[in-house]
Amino acid sequence: SSGSSCVTAALGNTWSHSVNTRLILQYLGSERRQILIAKSPLAPFTSFAYTIKKEGLVL
């Protein structure tokens, strides 16, 4: 050993690939919907409304 060390995940490869973000999709009526970021290590709790059109998602 040359004094270098290696750090690995204590719970293994499976744990390191687990889902750690939770999005909640809500139906608000006719065309309106809402996405809530309920859990994320990178983003704060937030929400935004959107509609689904022929062109795709419209914020």
PDB file of N, CA and C in Angstrom:
ATOM      1  N   SER A   1       0.833  -1.187   0.000  1.00  0.00           N
ATOM      2  CA  SER A   1       0.000   0.000   0.000  1.00  0.00           C
ATOM      3  C   SER A   1       0.874   1.245   0.000  1.00  0.00           C
ATOM      4  N   SER A   2       0.515   2.222  -0.805  1.00  0.00           N
ATOM      5  CA  SER A   2       1.302   3.451  -0.916  1.00  0.00           C
ATOM      6  C   SER A   2       0.692   4.596  -0.113  1.00  0.00           C
ATOM      7  N   GLY A   3      -0.202   4.285   0.814  1.00  0.00           N
ATOM      8  CA  GLY A   3      -0.802   5.326   1.635  1.00  0.00           C
ATOM      9  C   GLY A   3      -2.097   5.882   1.070  1.00  0.00           C
ATOM     10  N   SER A   4      -2.496   5.459  -0.126  1.00  0.00           N
ATOM     11  CA  SER A   4      -3.758   5.944  -0.691  1.00  0.00           C
ATOM     12  C   SER A   4      -4.901   5.068  -0.198  1.00  0.00           C
ATOM     13  N   SER A   5      -6.087   5.613  -0.178  1.00  0.00           N
ATOM     14  CA  SER A   5      -7.244   4.844   0.275  1.00  0.00           C
ATOM     15  C   SER A   5      -8.377   4.974  -0.732  1.00  0.00           C
ATOM     16  N   CYS A   6      -9.305   4.068  -0.636  1.00  0.00           N
ATOM     17  CA  CYS A   6     -10.456   4.051  -1.534  1.00  0.00           C
ATOM     18  C   CYS A   6     -11.727   4.085  -0.692  1.00  0.00           C
ATOM     19  N   VAL A   7     -12.669   4.932  -1.066  1.00  0.00           N
ATOM     20  CA  VAL A   7     -13.931   5.029  -0.347  1.00  0.00           C
ATOM     21  C   VAL A   7     -15.019   4.391  -1.198  1.00  0.00           C
ATOM     22  N   THR A   8     -15.791   3.493  -0.594  1.00  0.00           N
ATOM     23  CA  THR A   8     -16.904   2.863  -1.299  1.00  0.00           C
ATOM     24  C   THR A   8     -18.173   3.014  -0.471  1.00  0.00           C
ATOM     25  N   ALA A   9     -19.316   2.914  -1.135  1.00  0.00           N
ATOM     26  CA  ALA A   9     -20.601   3.014  -0.436  1.00  0.00           C
ATOM     27  C   ALA A   9     -20.747   1.845   0.526  1.00  0.00           C
ATOM     28  N   ALA A  10     -21.085   2.132   1.776  1.00  0.00           N
ATOM     29  CA  ALA A  10     -21.188   1.091   2.791  1.00  0.00           C
ATOM     30  C   ALA A  10     -22.312   0.104   2.493  1.00  0.00           C
ATOM     31  N   LEU A  11     -23.357   0.556   1.818  1.00  0.00           N
ATOM     32  CA  LEU A  11     -24.486  -0.324   1.525  1.00  0.00           C
ATOM     33  C   LEU A  11     -24.422  -0.913   0.119  1.00  0.00           C
ATOM     34  N   GLY A  12     -23.343  -0.678  -0.577  1.00  0.00           N
ATOM     35  CA  GLY A  12     -23.118  -1.334  -1.851  1.00  0.00           C
ATOM     36  C   GLY A  12     -23.661  -0.595  -3.062  1.00  0.00           C
ATOM     37  N   ASN A  13     -23.459  -1.223  -4.206  1.00  0.00           N
ATOM     38  CA  ASN A  13     -23.817  -0.650  -5.496  1.00  0.00           C
ATOM     39  C   ASN A  13     -25.322  -0.440  -5.639  1.00  0.00           C
ATOM     40  N   THR A  14     -26.129  -1.354  -5.143  1.00  0.00           N
ATOM     41  CA  THR A  14     -27.588  -1.223  -5.253  1.00  0.00           C
ATOM     42  C   THR A  14     -28.068   0.038  -4.553  1.00  0.00           C
ATOM     43  N   TRP A  15     -27.592   0.292  -3.359  1.00  0.00           N
ATOM     44  CA  TRP A  15     -28.012   1.477  -2.602  1.00  0.00           C
ATOM     45  C   TRP A  15     -27.566   2.760  -3.301  1.00  0.00           C
ATOM     46  N   SER A  16     -26.407   2.764  -3.900  1.00  0.00           N
ATOM     47  CA  SER A  16     -25.910   3.977  -4.551  1.00  0.00           C
ATOM     48  C   SER A  16     -26.732   4.351  -5.776  1.00  0.00           C
ATOM     49  N   HIS A  17     -27.529   3.418  -6.310  1.00  0.00           N
ATOM     50  CA  HIS A  17     -28.383   3.688  -7.469  1.00  0.00           C
ATOM     51  C   HIS A  17     -29.859   3.802  -7.101  1.00  0.00           C
ATOM     52  N   SER A  18     -30.183   3.914  -5.829  1.00  0.00           N
ATOM     53  CA  SER A  18     -31.584   4.014  -5.415  1.00  0.00           C
ATOM     54  C   SER A  18     -32.154   5.390  -5.773  1.00  0.00           C
ATOM     55  N   VAL A  19     -33.462   5.444  -5.930  1.00  0.00           N
ATOM     56  CA  VAL A  19     -34.142   6.695  -6.257  1.00  0.00           C
ATOM     57  C   VAL A  19     -34.126   7.601  -5.029  1.00  0.00           C
ATOM     58  N   ASN A  20     -33.718   8.856  -5.202  1.00  0.00           N
ATOM     59  CA  ASN A  20     -33.660   9.768  -4.065  1.00  0.00           C
ATOM     60  C   ASN A  20     -34.417  11.073  -4.321  1.00  0.00           C
ATOM     61  N   THR A  21     -35.256  11.096  -5.355  1.00  0.00           N
ATOM     62  CA  THR A  21     -36.093  12.257  -5.649  1.00  0.00           C
ATOM     63  C   THR A  21     -37.536  11.801  -5.756  1.00  0.00           C
ATOM     64  N   ARG A  22     -38.443  12.540  -5.122  1.00  0.00           N
ATOM     65  CA  ARG A  22     -39.868  12.188  -5.169  1.00  0.00           C
ATOM     66  C   ARG A  22     -40.647  13.326  -5.812  1.00  0.00           C
ATOM     67  N   LEU A  23     -41.330  13.023  -6.926  1.00  0.00           N
ATOM     68  CA  LEU A  23     -42.206  13.968  -7.608  1.00  0.00           C
ATOM     69  C   LEU A  23     -43.640  13.510  -7.413  1.00  0.00           C
ATOM     70  N   ILE A  24     -44.527  14.453  -7.113  1.00  0.00           N
ATOM     71  CA  ILE A  24     -45.944  14.138  -6.966  1.00  0.00           C
ATOM     72  C   ILE A  24     -46.685  14.859  -8.083  1.00  0.00           C
ATOM     73  N   LEU A  25     -47.428  14.103  -8.886  1.00  0.00           N
ATOM     74  CA  LEU A  25     -48.213  14.668  -9.981  1.00  0.00           C
ATOM     75  C   LEU A  25     -49.658  14.748  -9.535  1.00  0.00           C
ATOM     76  N   GLN A  26     -50.267  15.938  -9.672  1.00  0.00           N
ATOM     77  CA  GLN A  26     -51.647  16.130  -9.237  1.00  0.00           C
ATOM     78  C   GLN A  26     -52.498  16.644 -10.387  1.00  0.00           C
ATOM     79  N   TYR A  27     -53.722  16.163 -10.438  1.00  0.00           N
ATOM     80  CA  TYR A  27     -54.717  16.622 -11.400  1.00  0.00           C
ATOM     81  C   TYR A  27     -55.518  17.733 -10.741  1.00  0.00           C
ATOM     82  N   LEU A  28     -55.554  18.923 -11.353  1.00  0.00           N
ATOM     83  CA  LEU A  28     -56.232  20.072 -10.755  1.00  0.00           C
ATOM     84  C   LEU A  28     -57.567  20.391 -11.427  1.00  0.00           C
ATOM     85  N   GLY A  29     -57.899  19.724 -12.481  1.00  0.00           N
ATOM     86  CA  GLY A  29     -59.139  20.007 -13.197  1.00  0.00           C
ATOM     87  C   GLY A  29     -58.874  20.098 -14.685  1.00  0.00           C
ATOM     88  N   SER A  30     -59.874  19.979 -15.464  1.00  0.00           N
ATOM     89  CA  SER A  30     -59.885  19.834 -16.919  1.00  0.00           C
ATOM     90  C   SER A  30     -58.505  19.684 -17.548  1.00  0.00           C
ATOM     91  N   GLU A  31     -57.771  20.767 -17.763  1.00  0.00           N
ATOM     92  CA  GLU A  31     -56.448  20.648 -18.399  1.00  0.00           C
ATOM     93  C   GLU A  31     -55.294  20.927 -17.441  1.00  0.00           C
ATOM     94  N   ARG A  32     -55.581  21.443 -16.262  1.00  0.00           N
ATOM     95  CA  ARG A  32     -54.519  21.872 -15.344  1.00  0.00           C
ATOM     96  C   ARG A  32     -53.996  20.720 -14.490  1.00  0.00           C
ATOM     97  N   ARG A  33     -52.698  20.705 -14.346  1.00  0.00           N
ATOM     98  CA  ARG A  33     -52.033  19.720 -13.504  1.00  0.00           C
ATOM     99  C   ARG A  33     -50.918  20.412 -12.734  1.00  0.00           C
ATOM    100  N   GLN A  34     -50.386  19.721 -11.742  1.00  0.00           N
ATOM    101  CA  GLN A  34     -49.336  20.309 -10.910  1.00  0.00           C
ATOM    102  C   GLN A  34     -48.294  19.252 -10.584  1.00  0.00           C
ATOM    103  N   ILE A  35     -47.035  19.668 -10.584  1.00  0.00           N
ATOM    104  CA  ILE A  35     -45.929  18.810 -10.150  1.00  0.00           C
ATOM    105  C   ILE A  35     -45.372  19.400  -8.857  1.00  0.00           C
ATOM    106  N   LEU A  36     -45.216  18.547  -7.851  1.00  0.00           N
ATOM    107  CA  LEU A  36     -44.590  18.949  -6.587  1.00  0.00           C
ATOM    108  C   LEU A  36     -43.262  18.218  -6.463  1.00  0.00           C
ATOM    109  N   ILE A  37     -42.212  18.940  -6.154  1.00  0.00           N
ATOM    110  CA  ILE A  37     -40.951  18.298  -5.802  1.00  0.00           C
ATOM    111  C   ILE A  37     -41.021  18.100  -4.295  1.00  0.00           C
ATOM    112  N   ALA A  38     -41.312  16.882  -3.876  1.00  0.00           N
ATOM    113  CA  ALA A  38     -41.561  16.594  -2.468  1.00  0.00           C
ATOM    114  C   ALA A  38     -40.297  16.195  -1.718  1.00  0.00           C
ATOM    115  N   LYS A  39     -39.325  15.645  -2.432  1.00  0.00           N
ATOM    116  CA  LYS A  39     -38.086  15.199  -1.788  1.00  0.00           C
ATOM    117  C   LYS A  39     -36.983  15.227  -2.829  1.00  0.00           C
ATOM    118  N   SER A  40     -35.923  15.930  -2.534  1.00  0.00           N
ATOM    119  CA  SER A  40     -34.795  15.987  -3.453  1.00  0.00           C
ATOM    120  C   SER A  40     -33.548  16.432  -2.705  1.00  0.00           C
ATOM    121  N   PRO A  41     -32.414  15.790  -2.966  1.00  0.00           N
ATOM    122  CA  PRO A  41     -31.175  16.238  -2.339  1.00  0.00           C
ATOM    123  C   PRO A  41     -30.628  17.511  -2.997  1.00  0.00           C
ATOM    124  N   LEU A  42     -31.171  17.888  -4.167  1.00  0.00           N
ATOM    125  CA  LEU A  42     -30.642  19.032  -4.908  1.00  0.00           C
ATOM    126  C   LEU A  42     -31.587  20.223  -4.993  1.00  0.00           C
ATOM    127  N   ALA A  43     -32.897  19.989  -4.919  1.00  0.00           N
ATOM    128  CA  ALA A  43     -33.870  21.069  -5.108  1.00  0.00           C
ATOM    129  C   ALA A  43     -34.727  21.245  -3.860  1.00  0.00           C
ATOM    130  N   PRO A  44     -35.126  22.482  -3.564  1.00  0.00           N
ATOM    131  CA  PRO A  44     -36.020  22.707  -2.426  1.00  0.00           C
ATOM    132  C   PRO A  44     -37.439  22.256  -2.763  1.00  0.00           C
ATOM    133  N   PHE A  45     -38.285  22.105  -1.743  1.00  0.00           N
ATOM    134  CA  PHE A  45     -39.691  21.782  -1.972  1.00  0.00           C
ATOM    135  C   PHE A  45     -40.297  22.910  -2.795  1.00  0.00           C
ATOM    136  N   THR A  46     -40.910  22.572  -3.900  1.00  0.00           N
ATOM    137  CA  THR A  46     -41.537  23.568  -4.766  1.00  0.00           C
ATOM    138  C   THR A  46     -42.612  22.897  -5.600  1.00  0.00           C
ATOM    139  N   SER A  47     -43.426  23.694  -6.264  1.00  0.00           N
ATOM    140  CA  SER A  47     -44.456  23.152  -7.147  1.00  0.00           C
ATOM    141  C   SER A  47     -44.649  24.092  -8.320  1.00  0.00           C
ATOM    142  N   PHE A  48     -45.150  23.545  -9.415  1.00  0.00           N
ATOM    143  CA  PHE A  48     -45.519  24.387 -10.543  1.00  0.00           C
ATOM    144  C   PHE A  48     -46.644  23.721 -11.309  1.00  0.00           C
ATOM    145  N   ALA A  49     -47.481  24.571 -11.899  1.00  0.00           N
ATOM    146  CA  ALA A  49     -48.630  24.093 -12.665  1.00  0.00           C
ATOM    147  C   ALA A  49     -48.227  23.939 -14.131  1.00  0.00           C
ATOM    148  N   TYR A  50     -48.881  23.013 -14.811  1.00  0.00           N
ATOM    149  CA  TYR A  50     -48.632  22.806 -16.232  1.00  0.00           C
ATOM    150  C   TYR A  50     -49.898  22.280 -16.887  1.00  0.00           C
ATOM    151  N   THR A  51     -49.932  22.347 -18.200  1.00  0.00           N
ATOM    152  CA  THR A  51     -51.008  21.740 -18.986  1.00  0.00           C
ATOM    153  C   THR A  51     -50.366  20.860 -20.047  1.00  0.00           C
ATOM    154  N   ILE A  52     -51.122  19.909 -20.517  1.00  0.00           N
ATOM    155  CA  ILE A  52     -50.650  19.036 -21.588  1.00  0.00           C
ATOM    156  C   ILE A  52     -51.384  19.432 -22.861  1.00  0.00           C
ATOM    157  N   LYS A  53     -50.647  19.870 -23.840  1.00  0.00           N
ATOM    158  CA  LYS A  53     -51.194  20.294 -25.130  1.00  0.00           C
ATOM    159  C   LYS A  53     -50.689  19.360 -26.219  1.00  0.00           C
ATOM    160  N   LYS A  54     -51.174  19.554 -27.405  1.00  0.00           N
ATOM    161  CA  LYS A  54     -50.722  18.763 -28.545  1.00  0.00           C
ATOM    162  C   LYS A  54     -49.216  18.929 -28.753  1.00  0.00           C
ATOM    163  N   GLU A  55     -48.699  20.121 -28.432  1.00  0.00           N
ATOM    164  CA  GLU A  55     -47.274  20.417 -28.610  1.00  0.00           C
ATOM    165  C   GLU A  55     -46.412  19.808 -27.512  1.00  0.00           C
ATOM    166  N   GLY A  56     -47.036  19.398 -26.397  1.00  0.00           N
ATOM    167  CA  GLY A  56     -46.302  18.836 -25.265  1.00  0.00           C
ATOM    168  C   GLY A  56     -46.680  19.539 -23.976  1.00  0.00           C
ATOM    169  N   LEU A  57     -45.793  19.518 -22.986  1.00  0.00           N
ATOM    170  CA  LEU A  57     -46.043  20.182 -21.705  1.00  0.00           C
ATOM    171  C   LEU A  57     -45.885  21.690 -21.849  1.00  0.00           C
ATOM    172  N   VAL A  58     -46.828  22.431 -21.271  1.00  0.00           N
ATOM    173  CA  VAL A  58     -46.777  23.892 -21.284  1.00  0.00           C
ATOM    174  C   VAL A  58     -46.774  24.366 -19.837  1.00  0.00           C
ATOM    175  N   LEU A  59     -45.728  25.073 -19.450  1.00  0.00           N
ATOM    176  CA  LEU A  59     -45.619  25.574 -18.075  1.00  0.00           C
ATOM    177  C   LEU A  59     -46.315  26.907 -17.933  1.00  0.00           C
TER     178      LEU A  59
END
